Amino acid sequence: KACARASDYQRALLYFEKASAAGVRFNTRTFGKITNAAAGSGLMHEAEEWLANLRQATFSPNNEQYGAVIKAYSRAGDIEGAKQCFARMEIEGVTAGIESYNEVIHACGFAGAATESAMEADTAAKEAKGWLVHMQERLVEPDLFTYNSVLKTCAKAGATAAEFQSWFATMYRDAITPDAISYVAAINACSQSDSAIPQAEKWLSQMDAVALEPHSVAINSVISSCAKAGDAQRATHWLHQMEGRNLIPDLFSHNAVMDAFATAGDTGGAEKWLQVMRAKGIVPDIVTYSALINASAKAGDAALAEEWIHVVEDARLTPDAISFTAVIRACAKACNPERAEHWFLRMEKEGFVNSFITYDALIDAWAKAGKAAQAEQCLLQMLRKSYDPSKVTYTALIHSCAKGGDVERAGGWLLKMDQRRLTPDVVSYNAVIDACAKAGDLAGAERWMNSMQQAHLIPSVPSYNTLLNACARTCKPVMAEHWLQEMTNHRISANVRSLNTLINAYAKVGNQTAAEQWLLEIKKRGL
């Protein structure tokens, strides 16, 4: 029992074997404790074997033993293993307790947190909510841990503030008071919203209103929301607020502020905070330097990004996938795909290419340089390595075709995107329309604009501007006016670029009067 509590399976096994050699006859509790010891050590295979040994000894595993194995699967992030173990428990007629349900829901949350895929995160959230309903149907009352596990899973899936308010109301109805963990989940969900910062700050205010003193984790989550929005000023404000509340900003706090400067592409601001950290005696880690590399990437300074990689190595830290990918993005922005490929190959050599995100960065580098063939080769390699391309991948490929005016190839990639059940968005269609515009194919551009609308997508200002550009390139100013009118009909406000294109269209056909009229129209609209 002591070994099980200490999650020391090897020592538990040693005592079991000694007792067995001494002729001790075991009961169900003995088997149960060694099962718990194996599960607590994260040894799912051994824990499953001991459940089987229980049955062979004509004992029936109980809720505690099954719960321990489910917990082991949960903590390993193995949602399928947790669910299968739970199903066996029910088949054998063992009534599941709240701990077993909580661990399956926790496994859903772990699976959602570990993925970069929005679809997979959404699936994990639906599963967590499904298990909550399942336990309530079996008259097992959820507790605070249950709800917090569901909330964390929903946060990763991008649940709205209204959804969280609804969850909080449900918790209060069930006489469960949301705690700091509940509020942190709500704040984390805000980071994916268009109004991330005000929503995150509102949740923090609510914590104050219910006399729940926000701790460092809650304020750090607000700083992270500011960082994702690239609002360095608000991120800095909240770090100072921590100090004002007698909380000590830690490495995470400072890294989040640096990340805010990085997202804004402010390399100077990020470097200043590095000096602040050092002055406070906070030792920078790989996340710190990744923020500096990312700031360089956002600013399109590939040389500085590469320099920071060398600083990382001089500090005897190991650059990770995030650091290397940021350097590749910096090379992409600097339109240097060859250098991007150099860093990709180094990543591959060191075993850091472990997600589609890195491939996306390299494909984007080739695409920005207009080298469609190389971008396509990257995609094929990606598929061979069993990485699923994202919308970003395909849109980058379409852009690379657009740069060369290869309409057929651009349209082909959009169709392949659809075939892989990745629904093309407005940006994807815009890229194909742009390919048509660059090729002087007005009919093709109009056809893809109509296809976009038939797919129930609302064309954006860039969609119309790209189409107007196709009209100008083909010297069709009357058609340009037609599409400008379509913008107005759909209540989409033309910008100065839209009207500039009209001027250009009339200038190309030598109609000075009409060009001047559109120049006056720009002034008339206050643009």
Protein backbone atom coordinates (compact mmCIF):
# COMPACT_ATOMS: atom_id res chain seq x y z
CA LYS A 1 0.00 0.00 0.00
CA ALA A 2 2.86 2.40 0.84
CA CYS A 3 4.56 1.57 -2.48
CA ALA A 4 1.31 2.22 -4.34
CA ARG A 5 0.94 5.61 -2.66
CA ALA A 6 4.52 6.44 -3.64
CA SER A 7 3.85 5.19 -7.22
CA ASP A 8 6.83 2.83 -6.79
CA TYR A 9 5.83 -0.16 -8.88
CA GLN A 10 9.23 -1.91 -8.84
CA ARG A 11 9.36 -1.97 -5.04
CA ALA A 12 5.71 -3.06 -4.83
CA LEU A 13 6.50 -5.91 -7.22
CA LEU A 14 9.52 -6.90 -5.10
CA TYR A 15 7.36 -7.23 -1.95
CA PHE A 16 4.66 -9.08 -3.89
CA GLU A 17 7.22 -11.64 -5.10
CA LYS A 18 8.68 -12.02 -1.58
CA ALA A 19 5.24 -12.63 -0.14
CA SER A 20 4.39 -15.06 -2.94
CA ALA A 21 7.62 -17.01 -2.30
CA ALA A 22 6.70 -17.18 1.40
CA GLY A 23 3.38 -18.81 0.49
CA VAL A 24 1.19 -15.85 1.35
CA ARG A 25 -2.30 -16.12 -0.17
CA PHE A 26 -3.39 -12.84 -1.71
CA ASN A 27 -6.79 -11.21 -1.64
CA THR A 28 -8.41 -8.68 -3.96
CA ARG A 29 -6.87 -5.74 -2.03
CA THR A 30 -3.35 -7.04 -2.64
CA PHE A 31 -3.91 -7.26 -6.39
CA GLY A 32 -5.62 -3.91 -6.26
CA LYS A 33 -2.68 -2.16 -4.58
CA ILE A 34 -0.09 -3.50 -7.04
CA THR A 35 -2.40 -2.48 -9.90
CA ASN A 36 -2.51 1.01 -8.36
CA ALA A 37 1.29 1.05 -8.04
CA ALA A 38 1.73 0.17 -11.74
CA ALA A 39 -0.90 2.72 -12.80
CA GLY A 40 0.62 5.41 -10.59
CA SER A 41 4.01 4.78 -12.23
CA GLY A 42 2.42 5.34 -15.64
CA LEU A 43 2.90 1.68 -16.61
CA MET A 44 -0.42 1.09 -18.36
CA HIS A 45 0.57 -2.27 -19.88
CA GLU A 46 1.59 -3.68 -16.47
CA ALA A 47 -1.53 -2.21 -14.82
CA GLU A 48 -3.72 -3.91 -17.45
CA GLU A 49 -1.88 -7.21 -16.81
CA TRP A 50 -2.64 -6.97 -13.10
CA LEU A 51 -6.31 -6.37 -13.84
CA ALA A 52 -6.17 -9.59 -15.88
CA ASN A 53 -4.38 -11.36 -12.98
CA LEU A 54 -7.22 -10.27 -10.70
CA ARG A 55 -9.74 -11.98 -12.97
CA GLN A 56 -7.60 -15.15 -13.23
CA ALA A 57 -7.50 -15.28 -9.44
CA THR A 58 -11.33 -15.23 -9.58
CA PHE A 59 -11.45 -11.72 -8.12
CA SER A 60 -13.41 -8.94 -9.81
CA PRO A 61 -11.63 -5.62 -10.37
CA ASN A 62 -13.50 -2.82 -8.61
CA ASN A 63 -14.06 0.87 -9.31
CA GLU A 64 -10.89 1.89 -7.46
CA GLN A 65 -8.65 -0.39 -9.55
CA TYR A 66 -10.26 0.52 -12.85
CA GLY A 67 -10.14 4.18 -11.82
CA ALA A 68 -6.38 3.93 -11.20
CA VAL A 69 -5.77 2.48 -14.69
CA ILE A 70 -8.05 5.09 -16.32
CA LYS A 71 -6.10 7.77 -14.44
CA ALA A 72 -2.81 6.39 -15.79
CA TYR A 73 -4.15 6.55 -19.36
CA SER A 74 -5.47 10.05 -18.71
CA ARG A 75 -2.18 11.40 -17.36
CA ALA A 76 -0.39 9.92 -20.38
CA GLY A 77 -2.82 11.76 -22.66
CA ASP A 78 -4.13 8.46 -24.06
CA ILE A 79 -7.83 9.27 -24.43
CA GLU A 80 -8.60 6.10 -26.40
CA GLY A 81 -6.97 3.91 -23.73
CA ALA A 82 -8.95 5.70 -21.00
CA LYS A 83 -12.23 5.28 -22.90
CA GLN A 84 -11.60 1.58 -23.68
CA CYS A 85 -10.77 0.85 -20.03
CA PHE A 86 -13.93 2.68 -18.96
CA ALA A 87 -15.99 0.66 -21.45
CA ARG A 88 -14.58 -2.65 -20.08
CA MET A 89 -15.47 -1.52 -16.57
CA GLU A 90 -19.08 -0.91 -17.61
CA ILE A 91 -19.29 -4.23 -19.52
CA GLU A 92 -18.14 -6.05 -16.37
CA GLY A 93 -20.92 -4.36 -14.39
CA VAL A 94 -18.63 -2.16 -12.27
CA THR A 95 -20.34 1.11 -11.37
CA ALA A 96 -18.09 4.00 -12.28
CA GLY A 97 -17.46 6.65 -9.64
CA ILE A 98 -16.81 10.34 -10.11
CA GLU A 99 -13.01 9.78 -10.17
CA SER A 100 -13.25 7.56 -13.25
CA TYR A 101 -15.46 10.05 -15.10
CA ASN A 102 -13.19 12.92 -14.10
CA GLU A 103 -10.12 11.14 -15.46
CA VAL A 104 -11.75 10.42 -18.85
CA ILE A 105 -12.79 14.08 -19.09
CA HIS A 106 -9.27 15.09 -18.04
CA ALA A 107 -7.89 12.86 -20.85
CA CYS A 108 -10.10 14.74 -23.34
CA GLY A 109 -8.61 17.98 -22.06
CA PHE A 110 -5.08 16.65 -22.35
CA ALA A 111 -5.73 15.57 -25.96
CA GLY A 112 -7.16 19.02 -26.78
CA ALA A 113 -4.23 20.84 -25.17
CA ALA A 114 -1.66 18.74 -27.05
CA THR A 115 -2.96 19.46 -30.54
CA GLU A 116 -2.34 22.38 -32.90
CA SER A 117 -5.42 21.43 -34.94
CA ALA A 118 -8.55 23.52 -34.27
CA MET A 119 -10.69 20.62 -35.50
CA GLU A 120 -9.07 18.17 -33.06
CA ALA A 121 -9.40 20.66 -30.19
CA ASP A 122 -13.09 21.08 -31.02
CA THR A 123 -13.56 17.28 -31.12
CA ALA A 124 -11.87 16.95 -27.70
CA ALA A 125 -14.20 19.63 -26.25
CA LYS A 126 -17.29 17.87 -27.63
CA GLU A 127 -16.10 14.58 -26.12
CA ALA A 128 -15.50 16.20 -22.72
CA LYS A 129 -19.01 17.70 -22.76
CA GLY A 130 -20.42 14.34 -23.86
CA TRP A 131 -18.82 12.59 -20.87
CA LEU A 132 -20.24 15.24 -18.54
CA VAL A 133 -23.73 14.49 -19.87
CA HIS A 134 -23.03 10.73 -19.60
CA MET A 135 -22.11 10.95 -15.91
CA GLN A 136 -25.16 13.09 -15.12
CA GLU A 137 -27.40 10.56 -16.87
CA ARG A 138 -25.89 7.90 -14.57
CA LEU A 139 -26.73 10.13 -11.59
CA VAL A 140 -23.08 10.83 -10.81
CA GLU A 141 -22.86 14.45 -9.68
CA PRO A 142 -19.98 16.46 -11.22
CA ASP A 143 -17.66 18.37 -8.90
CA LEU A 144 -15.38 21.40 -9.34
CA PHE A 145 -12.62 19.26 -10.89
CA THR A 146 -15.11 17.93 -13.47
CA TYR A 147 -16.24 21.37 -14.55
CA ASN A 148 -12.71 22.80 -14.60
CA SER A 149 -11.55 19.93 -16.83
CA VAL A 150 -14.42 20.66 -19.25
CA LEU A 151 -13.72 24.42 -19.11
CA LYS A 152 -10.02 23.96 -19.94
CA THR A 153 -10.93 21.78 -22.92
CA CYS A 154 -13.51 24.31 -24.14
CA ALA A 155 -10.93 27.13 -23.74
CA LYS A 156 -8.52 25.38 -26.13
CA ALA A 157 -11.39 24.93 -28.60
CA GLY A 158 -12.03 28.71 -28.54
CA ALA A 159 -15.28 28.85 -26.55
CA THR A 160 -16.81 32.35 -26.46
CA ALA A 161 -17.24 34.56 -23.41
CA ALA A 162 -21.00 33.92 -23.61
CA GLU A 163 -20.39 30.16 -23.48
CA PHE A 164 -18.22 30.56 -20.40
CA GLN A 165 -20.86 32.74 -18.73
CA SER A 166 -23.33 29.93 -19.40
CA TRP A 167 -20.95 27.35 -17.89
CA PHE A 168 -20.46 29.51 -14.80
CA ALA A 169 -24.25 29.84 -14.41
CA THR A 170 -24.56 26.03 -14.63
CA MET A 171 -21.88 25.61 -11.96
CA TYR A 172 -23.64 28.02 -9.60
CA ARG A 173 -26.92 26.16 -10.26
CA ASP A 174 -25.21 22.94 -9.16
CA ALA A 175 -23.92 24.72 -6.01
CA ILE A 176 -20.34 24.70 -7.32
CA THR A 177 -18.47 27.99 -7.04
CA PRO A 178 -15.99 28.68 -9.86
CA ASP A 179 -12.45 29.02 -8.52
CA ALA A 180 -9.27 30.65 -9.87
CA ILE A 181 -8.70 27.69 -12.24
CA SER A 182 -12.18 28.26 -13.74
CA TYR A 183 -11.43 31.93 -14.35
CA VAL A 184 -8.01 31.19 -15.83
CA ALA A 185 -9.70 28.85 -18.34
CA ALA A 186 -12.11 31.68 -19.28
CA ILE A 187 -9.20 34.13 -19.69
CA ASN A 188 -7.26 31.62 -21.82
CA ALA A 189 -10.28 31.20 -24.10
CA CYS A 190 -10.25 34.97 -24.72
CA SER A 191 -6.88 34.79 -26.46
CA GLN A 192 -8.60 33.39 -29.56
CA SER A 193 -11.21 36.17 -29.69
CA ASP A 194 -11.08 39.36 -31.76
CA SER A 195 -11.67 41.32 -28.54
CA ALA A 196 -9.21 39.24 -26.51
CA ILE A 197 -7.79 41.92 -24.21
CA PRO A 198 -11.02 43.61 -23.00
CA GLN A 199 -12.63 40.20 -22.45
CA ALA A 200 -9.64 38.87 -20.50
CA GLU A 201 -9.56 42.03 -18.39
CA LYS A 202 -13.29 41.73 -17.77
CA TRP A 203 -12.86 38.21 -16.38
CA LEU A 204 -10.11 39.50 -14.09
CA SER A 205 -12.49 42.21 -12.87
CA GLN A 206 -15.12 39.54 -12.17
CA MET A 207 -12.60 37.69 -10.00
CA ASP A 208 -12.16 40.89 -7.99
CA ALA A 209 -15.95 41.33 -7.80
CA VAL A 210 -16.47 37.90 -6.20
CA ALA A 211 -13.56 38.54 -3.79
CA LEU A 212 -11.40 35.93 -5.52
CA GLU A 213 -7.95 37.47 -5.47
CA PRO A 214 -6.36 36.97 -8.91
CA HIS A 215 -3.10 35.06 -8.53
CA SER A 216 -0.05 35.12 -10.78
CA VAL A 217 -1.42 32.48 -13.16
CA ALA A 218 -4.58 34.53 -13.84
CA ILE A 219 -2.67 37.75 -14.53
CA ASN A 220 -0.09 35.85 -16.58
CA SER A 221 -3.00 34.58 -18.71
CA VAL A 222 -4.13 38.19 -19.29
CA ILE A 223 -0.56 39.13 -20.27
CA SER A 224 -0.59 36.17 -22.70
CA SER A 225 -3.83 37.48 -24.24
CA CYS A 226 -2.13 40.86 -24.72
CA ALA A 227 0.89 39.10 -26.24
CA LYS A 228 -1.23 37.20 -28.78
CA ALA A 229 -2.88 40.47 -29.78
CA GLY A 230 0.54 42.13 -30.07
CA ASP A 231 -0.41 44.80 -27.52
CA ALA A 232 2.91 45.36 -25.76
CA GLN A 233 1.61 48.41 -23.87
CA ARG A 234 -1.20 46.46 -22.14
CA ALA A 235 1.10 43.48 -21.51
CA THR A 236 3.58 45.81 -19.76
CA HIS A 237 0.71 47.44 -17.83
CA TRP A 238 -0.42 44.08 -16.42
CA LEU A 239 3.09 43.08 -15.43
CA HIS A 240 3.28 46.28 -13.40
CA GLN A 241 -0.20 45.50 -12.01
CA MET A 242 1.18 42.20 -10.71
CA GLU A 243 3.88 44.10 -8.85
CA GLY A 244 1.23 46.50 -7.50
CA ARG A 245 -0.69 43.52 -6.08
CA ASN A 246 2.45 42.30 -4.30
CA LEU A 247 2.82 39.42 -6.75
CA ILE A 248 6.27 38.70 -8.13
CA PRO A 249 6.35 38.50 -11.95
CA ASP A 250 8.20 35.33 -12.89
CA LEU A 251 10.01 34.09 -15.99
CA PHE A 252 6.65 33.29 -17.65
CA SER A 253 5.41 36.87 -17.03
CA HIS A 254 8.48 38.45 -18.60
CA ASN A 255 8.50 36.01 -21.52
CA ALA A 256 4.84 36.87 -22.22
CA VAL A 257 5.67 40.61 -22.29
CA MET A 258 8.57 39.93 -24.64
CA ASP A 259 6.21 37.84 -26.79
CA ALA A 260 3.90 40.88 -27.05
CA PHE A 261 6.77 42.95 -28.45
CA ALA A 262 7.71 40.05 -30.73
CA THR A 263 4.16 39.77 -32.12
CA ALA A 264 4.28 43.49 -32.86
CA GLY A 265 7.65 43.01 -34.60
CA ASP A 266 9.29 45.42 -32.13
CA THR A 267 12.81 44.00 -31.82
CA GLY A 268 14.02 46.99 -29.80
CA GLY A 269 11.25 46.58 -27.22
CA ALA A 270 11.89 42.84 -26.92
CA GLU A 271 15.62 43.40 -26.43
CA LYS A 272 14.91 46.06 -23.78
CA TRP A 273 12.89 43.54 -21.76
CA LEU A 274 15.71 41.04 -22.03
CA GLN A 275 17.89 43.60 -20.24
CA VAL A 276 15.12 44.15 -17.64
CA MET A 277 15.02 40.40 -16.97
CA ARG A 278 18.77 40.18 -16.56
CA ALA A 279 18.78 43.19 -14.22
CA LYS A 280 16.22 41.38 -12.02
CA GLY A 281 18.36 38.26 -11.97
CA ILE A 282 15.88 36.27 -14.08
CA VAL A 283 17.79 33.81 -16.26
CA PRO A 284 16.44 33.77 -19.86
CA ASP A 285 15.37 30.38 -21.21
CA ILE A 286 14.72 29.07 -24.71
CA VAL A 287 11.22 30.65 -24.68
CA THR A 288 12.82 34.06 -24.03
CA TYR A 289 15.16 33.74 -26.98
CA SER A 290 12.38 32.32 -29.17
CA ALA A 291 10.46 35.55 -28.58
CA LEU A 292 13.51 37.57 -29.72
CA ILE A 293 13.88 35.36 -32.81
CA ASN A 294 10.16 35.75 -33.51
CA ALA A 295 10.43 39.55 -33.18
CA SER A 296 13.23 39.51 -35.76
CA ALA A 297 11.12 37.28 -38.02
CA LYS A 298 8.12 39.64 -37.78
CA ALA A 299 10.40 42.53 -38.68
CA GLY A 300 11.76 40.53 -41.64
CA ASP A 301 15.31 40.70 -40.25
CA ALA A 302 16.62 37.23 -41.08
CA ALA A 303 20.23 38.13 -40.18
CA LEU A 304 19.20 39.19 -36.66
CA ALA A 305 17.06 36.05 -36.24
CA GLU A 306 20.06 33.88 -37.17
CA GLU A 307 22.26 35.88 -34.81
CA TRP A 308 19.91 35.11 -31.92
CA ILE A 309 20.13 31.36 -32.71
CA HIS A 310 23.90 31.64 -32.20
CA VAL A 311 23.34 33.53 -28.91
CA VAL A 312 21.11 30.65 -27.76
CA GLU A 313 23.85 28.14 -28.52
CA ASP A 314 26.48 30.31 -26.80
CA ALA A 315 24.23 30.31 -23.70
CA ARG A 316 24.41 26.47 -23.83
CA LEU A 317 20.71 26.19 -24.56
CA THR A 318 19.32 23.97 -27.29
CA PRO A 319 17.26 25.75 -29.96
CA ASP A 320 13.85 24.08 -30.27
CA ALA A 321 11.34 23.65 -33.08
CA ILE A 322 9.75 27.05 -32.31
CA SER A 323 13.11 28.86 -32.54
CA PHE A 324 14.10 27.21 -35.81
CA THR A 325 10.66 27.72 -37.37
CA ALA A 326 10.81 31.43 -36.46
CA VAL A 327 14.16 31.71 -38.28
CA ILE A 328 12.62 30.00 -41.34
CA ARG A 329 9.75 32.52 -41.22
CA ALA A 330 12.28 35.37 -41.02
CA CYS A 331 14.01 34.01 -44.15
CA ALA A 332 10.61 33.71 -45.85
CA LYS A 333 9.77 37.33 -45.08
CA ALA A 334 13.20 38.36 -46.39
CA CYS A 335 12.40 36.40 -49.57
CA ASN A 336 15.39 34.08 -49.06
CA PRO A 337 14.00 30.54 -49.51
CA GLU A 338 17.45 28.99 -49.93
CA ARG A 339 18.44 30.15 -46.45
CA ALA A 340 15.07 28.97 -45.11
CA GLU A 341 15.79 25.54 -46.57
CA HIS A 342 19.24 25.55 -44.91
CA TRP A 343 17.62 25.95 -41.49
CA PHE A 344 14.92 23.41 -42.32
CA LEU A 345 17.57 20.81 -43.20
CA ARG A 346 19.39 21.54 -39.96
CA MET A 347 16.12 21.07 -38.05
CA GLU A 348 15.54 17.80 -39.84
CA LYS A 349 19.06 16.61 -39.03
CA GLU A 350 18.57 17.41 -35.34
CA GLY A 351 15.12 15.77 -35.24
CA PHE A 352 13.09 18.93 -34.70
CA VAL A 353 10.77 18.72 -37.72
CA ASN A 354 7.79 17.34 -35.84
CA SER A 355 4.73 19.17 -37.15
CA PHE A 356 3.09 20.61 -40.25
CA ILE A 357 3.87 24.13 -38.96
CA THR A 358 7.55 23.88 -39.94
CA TYR A 359 6.65 22.63 -43.42
CA ASP A 360 4.17 25.51 -43.74
CA ALA A 361 6.98 27.96 -42.98
CA LEU A 362 9.26 26.49 -45.66
CA ILE A 363 6.44 26.28 -48.23
CA ASP A 364 5.65 29.93 -47.47
CA ALA A 365 9.31 30.84 -48.11
CA TRP A 366 9.28 29.23 -51.57
CA ALA A 367 5.81 30.69 -52.26
CA LYS A 368 6.86 34.26 -51.40
CA ALA A 369 9.73 33.89 -53.86
CA GLY A 370 7.24 32.71 -56.51
CA LYS A 371 8.89 29.27 -56.77
CA ALA A 372 5.84 27.05 -57.10
CA ALA A 373 7.72 23.89 -58.09
CA GLN A 374 9.86 23.91 -54.92
CA ALA A 375 6.80 24.70 -52.78
CA GLU A 376 4.99 21.73 -54.31
CA GLN A 377 7.97 19.45 -53.63
CA CYS A 378 7.80 20.46 -49.97
CA LEU A 379 4.11 19.55 -49.87
CA LEU A 380 4.79 16.13 -51.40
CA GLN A 381 7.55 15.52 -48.84
CA MET A 382 5.14 16.62 -46.10
CA LEU A 383 2.56 14.07 -47.27
CA ARG A 384 5.20 11.32 -47.43
CA LYS A 385 6.04 12.05 -43.79
CA SER A 386 2.31 11.72 -42.92
CA TYR A 387 1.81 15.36 -41.94
CA ASP A 388 -1.59 16.74 -42.87
CA PRO A 389 -1.43 20.02 -44.82
CA SER A 390 -3.51 22.88 -43.45
CA LYS A 391 -5.44 25.68 -45.16
CA VAL A 392 -2.32 27.81 -44.69
CA THR A 393 -0.27 25.23 -46.64
CA TYR A 394 -2.57 25.23 -49.64
CA THR A 395 -3.10 28.99 -49.62
CA ALA A 396 0.70 29.50 -49.69
CA LEU A 397 0.92 27.12 -52.68
CA ILE A 398 -1.85 28.98 -54.47
CA HIS A 399 -0.02 32.28 -53.81
CA SER A 400 3.18 30.84 -55.31
CA CYS A 401 1.22 29.95 -58.48
CA ALA A 402 -0.39 33.40 -58.46
CA LYS A 403 3.02 35.09 -58.47
CA GLY A 404 3.81 33.32 -61.72
CA GLY A 405 0.31 33.89 -63.12
CA ASP A 406 -0.26 30.11 -63.35
CA VAL A 407 -4.06 30.09 -63.17
CA GLU A 408 -4.55 26.38 -63.91
CA ARG A 409 -2.13 25.31 -61.19
CA ALA A 410 -3.60 27.75 -58.65
CA GLY A 411 -7.14 26.54 -59.32
CA GLY A 412 -5.97 22.93 -59.19
CA TRP A 413 -4.57 23.36 -55.67
CA LEU A 414 -7.80 24.98 -54.49
CA LEU A 415 -9.76 21.97 -55.77
CA LYS A 416 -7.31 19.54 -54.10
CA MET A 417 -7.76 21.48 -50.88
CA ASP A 418 -11.50 20.90 -51.12
CA GLN A 419 -10.95 17.20 -51.87
CA ARG A 420 -9.02 16.86 -48.58
CA ARG A 421 -12.06 18.32 -46.77
CA LEU A 422 -10.21 21.54 -46.02
CA THR A 423 -12.90 24.06 -46.91
CA PRO A 424 -11.27 26.90 -48.89
CA ASP A 425 -11.80 30.30 -47.29
CA VAL A 426 -11.94 33.82 -48.74
CA VAL A 427 -8.12 34.14 -48.59
CA SER A 428 -7.74 30.93 -50.67
CA TYR A 429 -10.17 32.16 -53.33
CA ASN A 430 -8.49 35.59 -53.34
CA ALA A 431 -5.19 33.91 -54.19
CA VAL A 432 -6.71 32.17 -57.23
CA ILE A 433 -8.41 35.41 -58.36
CA ASP A 434 -5.01 37.10 -57.99
CA ALA A 435 -3.45 34.42 -60.24
CA CYS A 436 -6.10 35.18 -62.87
CA ALA A 437 -5.45 38.93 -62.53
CA LYS A 438 -1.70 38.50 -62.99
CA ALA A 439 -2.33 36.32 -66.05
CA GLY A 440 -4.75 38.90 -67.50
CA ASP A 441 -7.58 36.35 -67.31
CA LEU A 442 -10.61 38.51 -66.40
CA ALA A 443 -13.14 35.79 -67.27
CA GLY A 444 -11.32 33.36 -64.95
CA ALA A 445 -11.18 35.93 -62.14
CA GLU A 446 -14.95 36.52 -62.45
CA ARG A 447 -15.61 32.79 -62.54
CA TRP A 448 -13.70 32.22 -59.28
CA MET A 449 -15.44 35.22 -57.67
CA ASN A 450 -18.79 33.60 -58.52
CA SER A 451 -17.54 30.23 -57.19
CA MET A 452 -16.64 31.90 -53.90
CA GLN A 453 -20.14 33.32 -53.55
CA GLN A 454 -21.71 29.97 -54.50
CA ALA A 455 -19.68 28.44 -51.64
CA HIS A 456 -21.58 30.87 -49.34
CA LEU A 457 -18.47 32.93 -48.66
CA ILE A 458 -18.66 36.72 -48.52
CA PRO A 459 -16.00 38.36 -50.72
CA SER A 460 -13.79 40.82 -48.85
CA VAL A 461 -12.43 44.20 -49.95
CA PRO A 462 -9.19 42.47 -51.15
CA SER A 463 -11.38 40.04 -53.20
CA TYR A 464 -12.99 42.92 -55.09
CA ASN A 465 -9.72 44.86 -55.36
CA THR A 466 -8.03 41.85 -56.95
CA LEU A 467 -10.89 41.54 -59.43
CA LEU A 468 -10.74 45.28 -60.17
CA ASN A 469 -7.03 44.83 -60.83
CA ALA A 470 -7.88 42.10 -63.38
CA CYS A 471 -10.22 44.57 -65.11
CA ALA A 472 -7.49 47.24 -65.18
CA ARG A 473 -4.86 44.83 -66.53
CA THR A 474 -7.19 43.79 -69.35
CA CYS A 475 -8.16 47.44 -70.09
CA LYS A 476 -11.83 46.92 -69.13
CA PRO A 477 -12.71 50.02 -67.07
CA VAL A 478 -16.47 49.59 -67.60
CA MET A 479 -16.27 46.11 -66.05
CA ALA A 480 -14.25 47.61 -63.21
CA GLU A 481 -17.11 50.07 -62.56
CA HIS A 482 -19.57 47.15 -62.65
CA TRP A 483 -17.64 45.30 -59.90
CA LEU A 484 -17.26 48.48 -57.86
CA GLN A 485 -21.06 48.82 -57.99
CA GLU A 486 -21.31 45.17 -56.87
CA MET A 487 -19.24 46.11 -53.80
CA THR A 488 -21.71 48.88 -53.00
CA ASN A 489 -24.68 46.55 -53.56
CA HIS A 490 -23.19 44.11 -51.03
CA ARG A 491 -22.57 46.97 -48.55
CA ILE A 492 -18.80 46.60 -48.77
CA SER A 493 -17.00 49.93 -48.57
CA ALA A 494 -14.42 50.53 -51.28
CA ASN A 495 -11.06 51.81 -50.06
CA VAL A 496 -8.56 54.12 -51.74
CA ARG A 497 -6.92 51.17 -53.48
CA SER A 498 -10.25 50.22 -55.10
CA LEU A 499 -10.65 53.70 -56.59
CA ASN A 500 -6.97 53.95 -57.56
CA THR A 501 -7.53 50.83 -59.66
CA LEU A 502 -10.42 52.56 -61.45
CA ILE A 503 -8.15 55.52 -62.24
CA ASN A 504 -5.52 53.10 -63.51
CA ALA A 505 -8.09 51.25 -65.65
CA TYR A 506 -9.22 54.48 -67.41
CA ALA A 507 -5.63 55.75 -67.70
CA LYS A 508 -4.69 52.57 -69.57
CA VAL A 509 -7.33 53.22 -72.24
CA GLY A 510 -6.41 56.94 -72.43
CA ASN A 511 -9.68 58.24 -70.93
CA GLN A 512 -8.31 61.20 -69.00
CA THR A 513 -11.74 62.66 -68.17
CA ALA A 514 -13.01 59.50 -66.46
CA ALA A 515 -9.68 59.06 -64.62
CA GLU A 516 -9.94 62.61 -63.26
CA GLN A 517 -13.56 62.02 -62.21
CA TRP A 518 -12.49 59.03 -60.11
CA LEU A 519 -9.67 61.10 -58.60
CA LEU A 520 -12.29 63.66 -57.52
CA GLU A 521 -14.43 60.78 -56.18
CA ILE A 522 -11.57 59.73 -53.87
CA LYS A 523 -11.47 63.26 -52.42
CA LYS A 524 -15.27 63.39 -52.25
CA ARG A 525 -15.31 60.21 -50.15
CA GLY A 526 -12.76 61.68 -47.77
CA LEU A 527 -10.10 59.13 -48.72
